Amino acid sequence: MSGQSNLLRNPLVHYGLPAVNAVIILAVGFLFLDPGITRNVLFLVVAVEITVVPWVLKRAGRRT
C-alpha cells in the first residue's frame, strides 16, 4: 500500500459520507413513517450521524 493516499484522511469523506447518510435517513423518516417514537428515534440517529461519525472518521484517518 505504499504510495497510495488514505481515503480516511480526506475531509470530504469526514463530512460528506455522514451528510449523505443523514439525508437518506431523514427522507425515510419523513416519507415512510408516521409521526411518533420511531420517527423520533430516526432523528436521534441523524444527530449522532452528523456529530459523532466525522469525529470517528478523523481518528481512524490519523491512526492509519
C-alpha atoms as a PDB file:
ATOM      1  CA  MET A   1       0.000   0.000   0.000  1.00  0.00           C
ATOM      2  CA  SER A   2       2.943   2.331  -0.154  1.00  0.00           C
ATOM      3  CA  GLY A   3       2.384   5.314  -2.386  1.00  0.00           C
ATOM      4  CA  GLN A   4      -1.415   5.216  -2.113  1.00  0.00           C
ATOM      5  CA  SER A   5      -3.288   8.011  -0.388  1.00  0.00           C
ATOM      6  CA  ASN A   6      -5.537   7.162   2.525  1.00  0.00           C
ATOM      7  CA  LEU A   7      -9.201   7.868   1.827  1.00  0.00           C
ATOM      8  CA  LEU A   8      -9.887   8.460   5.524  1.00  0.00           C
ATOM      9  CA  ARG A   9      -7.573  11.483   5.548  1.00  0.00           C
ATOM     10  CA  ASN A  10      -9.818  13.331   3.091  1.00  0.00           C
ATOM     11  CA  PRO A  11     -12.079  15.910   4.844  1.00  0.00           C
ATOM     12  CA  LEU A  12     -14.728  15.407   2.185  1.00  0.00           C
ATOM     13  CA  VAL A  13     -15.110  11.842   3.433  1.00  0.00           C
ATOM     14  CA  HIS A  14     -15.314  13.004   7.064  1.00  0.00           C
ATOM     15  CA  TYR A  15     -18.291  15.259   6.435  1.00  0.00           C
ATOM     16  CA  GLY A  16     -19.726  14.104   3.114  1.00  0.00           C
ATOM     17  CA  LEU A  17     -20.381  10.483   3.970  1.00  0.00           C
ATOM     18  CA  PRO A  18     -22.317  11.231   7.186  1.00  0.00           C
ATOM     19  CA  ALA A  19     -24.230  14.021   5.441  1.00  0.00           C
ATOM     20  CA  VAL A  20     -25.389  11.706   2.664  1.00  0.00           C
ATOM     21  CA  ASN A  21     -26.381   9.055   5.204  1.00  0.00           C
ATOM     22  CA  ALA A  22     -28.282  11.647   7.245  1.00  0.00           C
ATOM     23  CA  VAL A  23     -30.216  12.859   4.192  1.00  0.00           C
ATOM     24  CA  ILE A  24     -31.235   9.304   3.346  1.00  0.00           C
ATOM     25  CA  ILE A  25     -32.353   8.606   6.919  1.00  0.00           C
ATOM     26  CA  LEU A  26     -34.318  11.865   7.054  1.00  0.00           C
ATOM     27  CA  ALA A  27     -36.029  11.073   3.756  1.00  0.00           C
ATOM     28  CA  VAL A  28     -37.085   7.663   5.035  1.00  0.00           C
ATOM     29  CA  GLY A  29     -38.327   9.209   8.271  1.00  0.00           C
ATOM     30  CA  PHE A  30     -40.411  11.875   6.593  1.00  0.00           C
ATOM     31  CA  LEU A  31     -41.721   9.890   3.648  1.00  0.00           C
ATOM     32  CA  PHE A  32     -42.437   6.452   5.069  1.00  0.00           C
ATOM     33  CA  LEU A  33     -43.034   6.766   8.808  1.00  0.00           C
ATOM     34  CA  ASP A  34     -45.917   8.225  10.747  1.00  0.00           C
ATOM     35  CA  PRO A  35     -45.105  10.771  13.450  1.00  0.00           C
ATOM     36  CA  GLY A  36     -44.237   9.001  16.650  1.00  0.00           C
ATOM     37  CA  ILE A  37     -41.463   7.386  18.586  1.00  0.00           C
ATOM     38  CA  THR A  38     -39.951   5.584  15.591  1.00  0.00           C
ATOM     39  CA  ARG A  39     -39.540   8.815  13.656  1.00  0.00           C
ATOM     40  CA  ASN A  40     -38.016  10.493  16.704  1.00  0.00           C
ATOM     41  CA  VAL A  41     -35.525   7.653  17.083  1.00  0.00           C
ATOM     42  CA  LEU A  42     -34.508   8.145  13.450  1.00  0.00           C
ATOM     43  CA  PHE A  43     -33.936  11.839  14.140  1.00  0.00           C
ATOM     44  CA  LEU A  44     -31.707  10.865  17.053  1.00  0.00           C
ATOM     45  CA  VAL A  45     -29.753   8.579  14.716  1.00  0.00           C
ATOM     46  CA  VAL A  46     -29.327  11.526  12.318  1.00  0.00           C
ATOM     47  CA  ALA A  47     -27.999  13.710  15.130  1.00  0.00           C
ATOM     48  CA  VAL A  48     -25.442  11.066  16.064  1.00  0.00           C
ATOM     49  CA  GLU A  49     -24.527  10.568  12.406  1.00  0.00           C
ATOM     50  CA  ILE A  50     -23.829  14.276  11.916  1.00  0.00           C
ATOM     51  CA  THR A  51     -21.923  14.845  15.160  1.00  0.00           C
ATOM     52  CA  VAL A  52     -20.090  11.632  16.052  1.00  0.00           C
ATOM     53  CA  VAL A  53     -19.258   9.935  12.753  1.00  0.00           C
ATOM     54  CA  PRO A  54     -16.977  12.729  11.411  1.00  0.00           C
ATOM     55  CA  TRP A  55     -15.006  12.625  14.662  1.00  0.00           C
ATOM     56  CA  VAL A  56     -14.619   8.834  14.426  1.00  0.00           C
ATOM     57  CA  LEU A  57     -13.545   9.020  10.774  1.00  0.00           C
ATOM     58  CA  LYS A  58     -10.941  11.682  11.598  1.00  0.00           C
ATOM     59  CA  ARG A  59      -9.473   9.497  14.342  1.00  0.00           C
ATOM     60  CA  ALA A  60      -9.414   6.493  12.039  1.00  0.00           C
ATOM     61  CA  GLY A  61      -7.614   8.541   9.391  1.00  0.00           C
ATOM     62  CA  ARG A  62      -4.956   9.633  11.857  1.00  0.00           C
ATOM     63  CA  ARG A  63      -4.271   6.078  13.011  1.00  0.00           C
ATOM     64  CA  THR A  64      -3.654   4.628   9.571  1.00  0.00           C
END
